[in-house]
Amino acid sequence: MCYNLFVRSFYKVLVVDDEPDSLLFVAETLKKMGYEVVTADTGELGLKKFYEEKPDLIILDVLLPSLDGWEVLERIRADERGRKTPVIMLTVRGSNKDKLHGYIIGADYYLGKPFSLQALLQAVNSVKENLNKKTREQPPEEV
């Protein structure tokens, strides 16, 4: 209803999760906030949609069929555009070792399952704030 009055840094979000309830909850929440949402239920499909849809943000589970989330994240980060696309890891793999691995290979935020609506919104807002800060700190491109 009033969600669209707020200016956002990104508009298209790719959500990759093989759990239907989690995928639906995240996708519907983001749609209500005014985001365009693209979904995938396997790592392979998520990677394909990353290249086709060019999302501004990715929310990625670790435990996925075909390619796991770690592999998807590594491949995304190997792509030039993918190095700049924020990625939130959303997973039951919440040990400190898993979190550290996620950050080392390029995750911007790590959110454990189960999660609350507030935690999801905090993750999205945190990534947006960091992206806005980086954008403001970049010098203008020379012509």
Protein backbone atom coordinates (compact mmCIF):
# COMPACT_ATOMS: atom_id res chain seq x y z
CA MET A 1 0.00 0.00 0.00
CA CYS A 2 2.41 2.74 1.16
CA TYR A 3 5.52 0.67 0.63
CA ASN A 4 6.22 2.13 -2.80
CA LEU A 5 6.65 5.62 -1.33
CA PHE A 6 10.05 4.59 0.00
CA VAL A 7 13.06 4.94 -2.29
CA ARG A 8 15.02 1.71 -2.61
CA SER A 9 18.58 1.03 -3.71
CA PHE A 10 17.65 -2.13 -5.54
CA TYR A 11 14.49 -3.38 -7.10
CA LYS A 12 14.91 -6.96 -8.28
CA VAL A 13 15.68 -9.69 -5.76
CA LEU A 14 16.58 -13.28 -6.61
CA VAL A 15 15.58 -15.72 -3.86
CA VAL A 16 17.11 -19.21 -4.10
CA ASP A 17 15.79 -21.80 -1.65
CA ASP A 18 14.61 -25.39 -2.04
CA GLU A 19 12.21 -25.21 0.93
CA PRO A 20 8.84 -24.14 -0.55
CA ASP A 21 7.55 -22.50 2.67
CA SER A 22 10.70 -20.46 3.16
CA LEU A 23 10.86 -19.48 -0.51
CA LEU A 24 7.23 -18.36 -0.49
CA PHE A 25 7.55 -16.43 2.79
CA VAL A 26 10.63 -14.51 1.66
CA ALA A 27 9.27 -13.84 -1.84
CA GLU A 28 5.86 -12.65 -0.64
CA THR A 29 7.39 -10.45 2.08
CA LEU A 30 9.65 -8.72 -0.43
CA LYS A 31 6.83 -8.32 -2.96
CA LYS A 32 4.71 -6.59 -0.29
CA MET A 33 7.62 -4.19 0.22
CA GLY A 34 7.51 -3.30 -3.47
CA TYR A 35 10.39 -5.41 -4.78
CA GLU A 36 10.29 -7.43 -7.96
CA VAL A 37 11.09 -10.99 -6.93
CA VAL A 38 12.49 -13.85 -8.99
CA THR A 39 12.73 -17.30 -7.42
CA ALA A 40 14.64 -20.52 -7.95
CA ASP A 41 14.52 -23.82 -6.07
CA THR A 42 17.88 -25.30 -7.10
CA GLY A 43 21.40 -23.93 -7.22
CA GLU A 44 21.65 -24.54 -10.94
CA LEU A 45 18.41 -22.67 -11.65
CA GLY A 46 19.49 -19.89 -9.29
CA LEU A 47 22.72 -19.41 -11.21
CA LYS A 48 20.83 -19.41 -14.52
CA LYS A 49 18.41 -16.78 -13.23
CA PHE A 50 21.29 -14.67 -11.91
CA TYR A 51 22.67 -14.40 -15.46
CA GLU A 52 19.26 -13.94 -17.13
CA GLU A 53 17.52 -11.64 -14.65
CA LYS A 54 20.47 -9.55 -13.40
CA PRO A 55 19.11 -9.13 -9.86
CA ASP A 56 20.17 -6.28 -7.60
CA LEU A 57 20.20 -8.54 -4.52
CA ILE A 58 20.41 -12.30 -3.99
CA ILE A 59 19.05 -14.22 -1.00
CA LEU A 60 20.67 -17.66 -1.15
CA ASP A 61 20.25 -20.89 0.81
CA VAL A 62 23.29 -23.14 1.28
CA LEU A 63 21.67 -26.57 1.17
CA LEU A 64 20.38 -26.78 -2.40
CA PRO A 65 19.97 -29.55 -4.98
CA SER A 66 22.26 -29.66 -8.02
CA LEU A 67 24.72 -26.95 -6.88
CA ASP A 68 24.95 -25.98 -3.23
CA GLY A 69 24.82 -22.35 -2.18
CA TRP A 70 28.58 -22.18 -1.59
CA GLU A 71 29.25 -23.16 -5.20
CA VAL A 72 26.59 -20.76 -6.48
CA LEU A 73 28.12 -17.91 -4.48
CA GLU A 74 31.63 -18.70 -5.72
CA ARG A 75 30.46 -18.72 -9.34
CA ILE A 76 28.55 -15.47 -8.87
CA ARG A 77 31.61 -13.81 -7.34
CA ALA A 78 33.73 -15.03 -10.26
CA ASP A 79 31.50 -12.99 -12.61
CA GLU A 80 32.42 -9.30 -12.86
CA ARG A 81 28.87 -8.08 -12.24
CA GLY A 82 28.43 -10.68 -9.52
CA ARG A 83 31.26 -9.19 -7.49
CA LYS A 84 29.09 -6.14 -6.87
CA THR A 85 25.75 -7.91 -6.30
CA PRO A 86 24.95 -8.17 -2.57
CA VAL A 87 24.27 -11.70 -1.32
CA ILE A 88 22.46 -12.65 1.87
CA MET A 89 22.99 -16.27 2.90
CA LEU A 90 19.81 -17.69 4.45
CA THR A 91 20.40 -21.17 5.84
CA VAL A 92 20.18 -23.71 8.66
CA ARG A 93 23.98 -24.01 8.45
CA GLY A 94 24.58 -21.49 11.20
CA SER A 95 27.77 -22.61 12.91
CA ASN A 96 30.56 -20.07 13.28
CA LYS A 97 32.63 -22.15 10.85
CA ASP A 98 29.85 -21.99 8.23
CA LYS A 99 29.37 -18.25 8.74
CA LEU A 100 33.10 -17.63 8.42
CA HIS A 101 33.23 -19.70 5.23
CA GLY A 102 30.29 -17.75 3.82
CA TYR A 103 31.94 -14.40 4.51
CA ILE A 104 35.30 -15.59 3.14
CA ILE A 105 33.78 -16.60 -0.20
CA GLY A 106 31.80 -13.40 -0.51
CA ALA A 107 28.54 -13.32 1.47
CA ASP A 108 27.49 -9.84 2.57
CA TYR A 109 25.17 -11.01 5.34
CA TYR A 110 24.44 -14.36 6.98
CA LEU A 111 20.98 -15.13 8.35
CA GLY A 112 20.20 -18.42 10.08
CA LYS A 113 17.01 -20.44 9.80
CA PRO A 114 14.56 -20.31 11.39
CA PHE A 115 14.36 -16.55 11.06
CA SER A 116 11.83 -13.88 11.89
CA LEU A 117 10.32 -11.28 9.60
CA GLN A 118 12.21 -8.65 11.59
CA ALA A 119 15.52 -10.47 11.06
CA LEU A 120 14.89 -10.74 7.31
CA LEU A 121 14.07 -7.03 7.03
CA GLN A 122 17.13 -6.17 9.12
CA ALA A 123 19.32 -8.22 6.77
CA VAL A 124 17.90 -6.55 3.66
CA ASN A 125 18.21 -3.09 5.21
CA SER A 126 21.77 -3.76 6.41
CA VAL A 127 22.86 -4.82 2.92
CA LYS A 128 21.11 -1.79 1.41
CA GLU A 129 22.84 0.58 3.83
CA ASN A 130 26.24 -0.93 3.04
CA LEU A 131 25.55 -0.68 -0.68
CA ASN A 132 24.47 2.95 -0.31
CA LYS A 133 27.60 3.73 1.69
CA LYS A 134 29.84 2.13 -0.94
CA THR A 135 28.04 4.02 -3.72
CA ARG A 136 28.49 7.35 -1.92
CA GLU A 137 32.18 6.65 -1.26
CA GLN A 138 33.01 5.84 -4.89
CA PRO A 139 34.60 8.67 -6.84
CA PRO A 140 32.72 9.77 -9.96
CA GLU A 141 33.74 7.97 -13.13
CA GLU A 142 35.89 9.90 -15.57
CA VAL A 143 34.47 10.53 -19.02
